[in-house]
Amino acid sequence: MATKLLMTALVALSVSNLESELAANDYTVEELTEALELERAKDEPRKTAIEALEIDLEAASGEGDKEPEPEHTGYKVAKGKSITTSVGIKSEGDKVTADMVTGGDAKLQLLESKGFIV
C-alpha cells in the first residue's frame, strides 16, 4: 500500500520534478514498474514521463549495462588477393566500401564469403 501511494505521488509530479526525483533516489524495479503502470493508466499519459520512468527502470534492472555491439569498421582486401573496383584495382590491405563495387553490400558479403575481403 505504501509503495502504491508513493508511486501515485511520484507520477503526480511535473516531468522536470519527476526526472529530478528519479535522479536523486534509487527506486526498486517493482516501484518503477508500478509508477510506469500508473502513468500509462492516466487519461492523458505523458510521453516524456513514461520515457523517464523507462530509462530509470532499464538502469535499475541492469539492462543498460550491456556492452554495445562493435561497429563494423569496413572491409579490406585479404592477404594475397586483389579485386577490381569502380575506382581501380585494390590489393592486399586496401579498404573497400559498398560504393566501390557493383552490387553494393550484397557483393561485399559475397566477396567476404569467398575470402577476397576481410
C-alpha atoms as a PDB file:
ATOM      1  CA  MET A   1       0.000   0.000   0.000  1.00  0.00           C
ATOM      2  CA  ALA A   2       2.790   2.418   0.895  1.00  0.00           C
ATOM      3  CA  THR A   3       4.536   1.697  -2.397  1.00  0.00           C
ATOM      4  CA  LYS A   4       1.397   2.412  -4.411  1.00  0.00           C
ATOM      5  CA  LEU A   5       0.848   5.669  -2.503  1.00  0.00           C
ATOM      6  CA  LEU A   6       4.483   6.701  -3.045  1.00  0.00           C
ATOM      7  CA  MET A   7       4.314   5.879  -6.767  1.00  0.00           C
ATOM      8  CA  THR A   8       0.990   7.729  -7.102  1.00  0.00           C
ATOM      9  CA  ALA A   9       2.692  10.796  -5.657  1.00  0.00           C
ATOM     10  CA  LEU A  10       5.676  10.250  -7.961  1.00  0.00           C
ATOM     11  CA  VAL A  11       3.607  10.255 -11.158  1.00  0.00           C
ATOM     12  CA  ALA A  12       1.708  13.342  -9.964  1.00  0.00           C
ATOM     13  CA  LEU A  13       4.931  15.371 -10.181  1.00  0.00           C
ATOM     14  CA  SER A  14       5.720  17.558 -13.159  1.00  0.00           C
ATOM     15  CA  VAL A  15       8.061  15.922 -15.645  1.00  0.00           C
ATOM     16  CA  SER A  16      11.079  18.016 -14.586  1.00  0.00           C
ATOM     17  CA  ASN A  17      10.403  17.257 -10.901  1.00  0.00           C
ATOM     18  CA  LEU A  18       9.893  13.583 -11.770  1.00  0.00           C
ATOM     19  CA  GLU A  19      13.257  13.454 -13.549  1.00  0.00           C
ATOM     20  CA  SER A  20      14.938  15.165 -10.567  1.00  0.00           C
ATOM     21  CA  GLU A  21      13.300  12.734  -8.140  1.00  0.00           C
ATOM     22  CA  LEU A  22      14.378   9.726 -10.209  1.00  0.00           C
ATOM     23  CA  ALA A  23      17.950  11.021 -10.378  1.00  0.00           C
ATOM     24  CA  ALA A  24      18.108  11.691  -6.630  1.00  0.00           C
ATOM     25  CA  ASN A  25      16.688   8.364  -5.411  1.00  0.00           C
ATOM     26  CA  ASP A  26      17.248   4.697  -6.133  1.00  0.00           C
ATOM     27  CA  TYR A  27      13.844   3.144  -6.661  1.00  0.00           C
ATOM     28  CA  THR A  28      13.404  -0.608  -6.968  1.00  0.00           C
ATOM     29  CA  VAL A  29      12.339  -2.313 -10.178  1.00  0.00           C
ATOM     30  CA  GLU A  30       8.958  -3.052  -8.587  1.00  0.00           C
ATOM     31  CA  GLU A  31       8.423   0.590  -7.590  1.00  0.00           C
ATOM     32  CA  LEU A  32       9.381   1.864 -11.028  1.00  0.00           C
ATOM     33  CA  THR A  33       7.165  -0.722 -12.720  1.00  0.00           C
ATOM     34  CA  GLU A  34       4.256   0.378 -10.525  1.00  0.00           C
ATOM     35  CA  ALA A  35       4.885   4.047 -11.349  1.00  0.00           C
ATOM     36  CA  LEU A  36       5.095   3.258 -15.061  1.00  0.00           C
ATOM     37  CA  GLU A  37       1.797   1.365 -14.941  1.00  0.00           C
ATOM     38  CA  LEU A  38       0.142   4.262 -13.090  1.00  0.00           C
ATOM     39  CA  GLU A  39       1.442   6.797 -15.624  1.00  0.00           C
ATOM     40  CA  ARG A  40       0.234   4.699 -18.562  1.00  0.00           C
ATOM     41  CA  ALA A  41      -3.196   4.264 -16.925  1.00  0.00           C
ATOM     42  CA  LYS A  42      -3.821   8.019 -16.843  1.00  0.00           C
ATOM     43  CA  ASP A  43      -6.440   9.530 -19.149  1.00  0.00           C
ATOM     44  CA  GLU A  44      -3.630  11.562 -20.740  1.00  0.00           C
ATOM     45  CA  PRO A  45      -0.301   9.809 -20.102  1.00  0.00           C
ATOM     46  CA  ARG A  46       2.798  11.976 -20.569  1.00  0.00           C
ATOM     47  CA  LYS A  47       5.215  10.568 -23.106  1.00  0.00           C
ATOM     48  CA  THR A  48       8.235  12.284 -21.512  1.00  0.00           C
ATOM     49  CA  ALA A  49       7.304  10.941 -18.069  1.00  0.00           C
ATOM     50  CA  ILE A  50       6.963   7.426 -19.477  1.00  0.00           C
ATOM     51  CA  GLU A  51      10.370   7.750 -21.175  1.00  0.00           C
ATOM     52  CA  ALA A  52      11.989   8.963 -17.931  1.00  0.00           C
ATOM     53  CA  LEU A  53      10.489   6.056 -15.985  1.00  0.00           C
ATOM     54  CA  GLU A  54      11.517   3.540 -18.675  1.00  0.00           C
ATOM     55  CA  ILE A  55      15.113   4.824 -18.652  1.00  0.00           C
ATOM     56  CA  ASP A  56      15.309   4.580 -14.854  1.00  0.00           C
ATOM     57  CA  LEU A  57      13.665   1.140 -14.936  1.00  0.00           C
ATOM     58  CA  GLU A  58      16.195  -0.057 -17.520  1.00  0.00           C
ATOM     59  CA  ALA A  59      19.057   1.183 -15.346  1.00  0.00           C
ATOM     60  CA  ALA A  60      17.570  -0.382 -12.195  1.00  0.00           C
ATOM     61  CA  SER A  61      17.095  -3.756 -13.875  1.00  0.00           C
ATOM     62  CA  GLY A  62      20.648  -3.739 -15.229  1.00  0.00           C
ATOM     63  CA  GLU A  63      19.595  -3.848 -18.875  1.00  0.00           C
ATOM     64  CA  GLY A  64      21.557  -0.697 -19.660  1.00  0.00           C
ATOM     65  CA  ASP A  65      24.845  -2.376 -18.670  1.00  0.00           C
ATOM     66  CA  LYS A  66      25.125  -4.426 -21.867  1.00  0.00           C
ATOM     67  CA  GLU A  67      28.217  -3.931 -23.991  1.00  0.00           C
ATOM     68  CA  PRO A  68      27.404  -2.165 -27.251  1.00  0.00           C
ATOM     69  CA  GLU A  69      27.965  -4.112 -30.426  1.00  0.00           C
ATOM     70  CA  PRO A  70      31.262  -3.126 -32.032  1.00  0.00           C
ATOM     71  CA  GLU A  71      30.730  -1.159 -35.198  1.00  0.00           C
ATOM     72  CA  HIS A  72      31.813  -2.745 -38.433  1.00  0.00           C
ATOM     73  CA  THR A  73      34.978  -0.901 -39.405  1.00  0.00           C
ATOM     74  CA  GLY A  74      34.742  -1.803 -43.068  1.00  0.00           C
ATOM     75  CA  TYR A  75      36.346  -4.299 -45.356  1.00  0.00           C
ATOM     76  CA  LYS A  76      39.909  -4.715 -46.515  1.00  0.00           C
ATOM     77  CA  VAL A  77      41.265  -6.821 -49.340  1.00  0.00           C
ATOM     78  CA  ALA A  78      42.501 -10.145 -47.968  1.00  0.00           C
ATOM     79  CA  LYS A  79      46.156 -11.169 -47.901  1.00  0.00           C
ATOM     80  CA  GLY A  80      47.345 -12.303 -51.323  1.00  0.00           C
ATOM     81  CA  LYS A  81      44.175 -11.107 -53.102  1.00  0.00           C
ATOM     82  CA  SER A  82      43.179  -8.192 -55.318  1.00  0.00           C
ATOM     83  CA  ILE A  83      39.840  -7.048 -56.693  1.00  0.00           C
ATOM     84  CA  THR A  84      38.708  -4.649 -59.378  1.00  0.00           C
ATOM     85  CA  THR A  85      36.523  -1.788 -58.169  1.00  0.00           C
ATOM     86  CA  SER A  86      34.970   1.271 -59.745  1.00  0.00           C
ATOM     87  CA  VAL A  87      37.960   3.300 -58.504  1.00  0.00           C
ATOM     88  CA  GLY A  88      40.577   0.892 -59.771  1.00  0.00           C
ATOM     89  CA  ILE A  89      42.334  -2.256 -58.622  1.00  0.00           C
ATOM     90  CA  LYS A  90      42.539  -2.758 -54.882  1.00  0.00           C
ATOM     91  CA  SER A  91      45.172  -5.071 -53.469  1.00  0.00           C
ATOM     92  CA  GLU A  92      46.049  -6.640 -50.123  1.00  0.00           C
ATOM     93  CA  GLY A  93      45.145  -4.391 -47.179  1.00  0.00           C
ATOM     94  CA  ASP A  94      43.319  -1.717 -49.198  1.00  0.00           C
ATOM     95  CA  LYS A  95      39.956  -0.577 -47.839  1.00  0.00           C
ATOM     96  CA  VAL A  96      36.868  -1.413 -49.871  1.00  0.00           C
ATOM     97  CA  THR A  97      33.399   0.141 -49.446  1.00  0.00           C
ATOM     98  CA  ALA A  98      29.998  -0.745 -50.875  1.00  0.00           C
ATOM     99  CA  ASP A  99      30.006   2.216 -53.245  1.00  0.00           C
ATOM    100  CA  MET A 100      33.211   0.919 -54.869  1.00  0.00           C
ATOM    101  CA  VAL A 101      31.656  -2.333 -56.142  1.00  0.00           C
ATOM    102  CA  THR A 102      28.702  -3.028 -58.367  1.00  0.00           C
ATOM    103  CA  GLY A 103      26.153  -4.769 -56.179  1.00  0.00           C
ATOM    104  CA  GLY A 104      26.947  -2.819 -53.007  1.00  0.00           C
ATOM    105  CA  ASP A 105      26.701  -4.561 -49.635  1.00  0.00           C
ATOM    106  CA  ALA A 106      25.450  -7.820 -51.140  1.00  0.00           C
ATOM    107  CA  LYS A 107      28.555  -8.017 -53.329  1.00  0.00           C
ATOM    108  CA  LEU A 108      30.800  -7.243 -50.340  1.00  0.00           C
ATOM    109  CA  GLN A 109      29.225 -10.083 -48.389  1.00  0.00           C
ATOM    110  CA  LEU A 110      29.793 -12.432 -51.319  1.00  0.00           C
ATOM    111  CA  LEU A 111      33.434 -11.332 -51.630  1.00  0.00           C
ATOM    112  CA  GLU A 112      33.875 -11.872 -47.897  1.00  0.00           C
ATOM    113  CA  SER A 113      32.377 -15.376 -48.048  1.00  0.00           C
ATOM    114  CA  LYS A 114      34.784 -16.259 -50.862  1.00  0.00           C
ATOM    115  CA  GLY A 115      37.766 -14.926 -48.917  1.00  0.00           C
ATOM    116  CA  PHE A 116      38.604 -11.933 -51.112  1.00  0.00           C
ATOM    117  CA  ILE A 117      37.968  -9.379 -48.381  1.00  0.00           C
ATOM    118  CA  VAL A 118      38.030  -9.435 -44.600  1.00  0.00           C
END
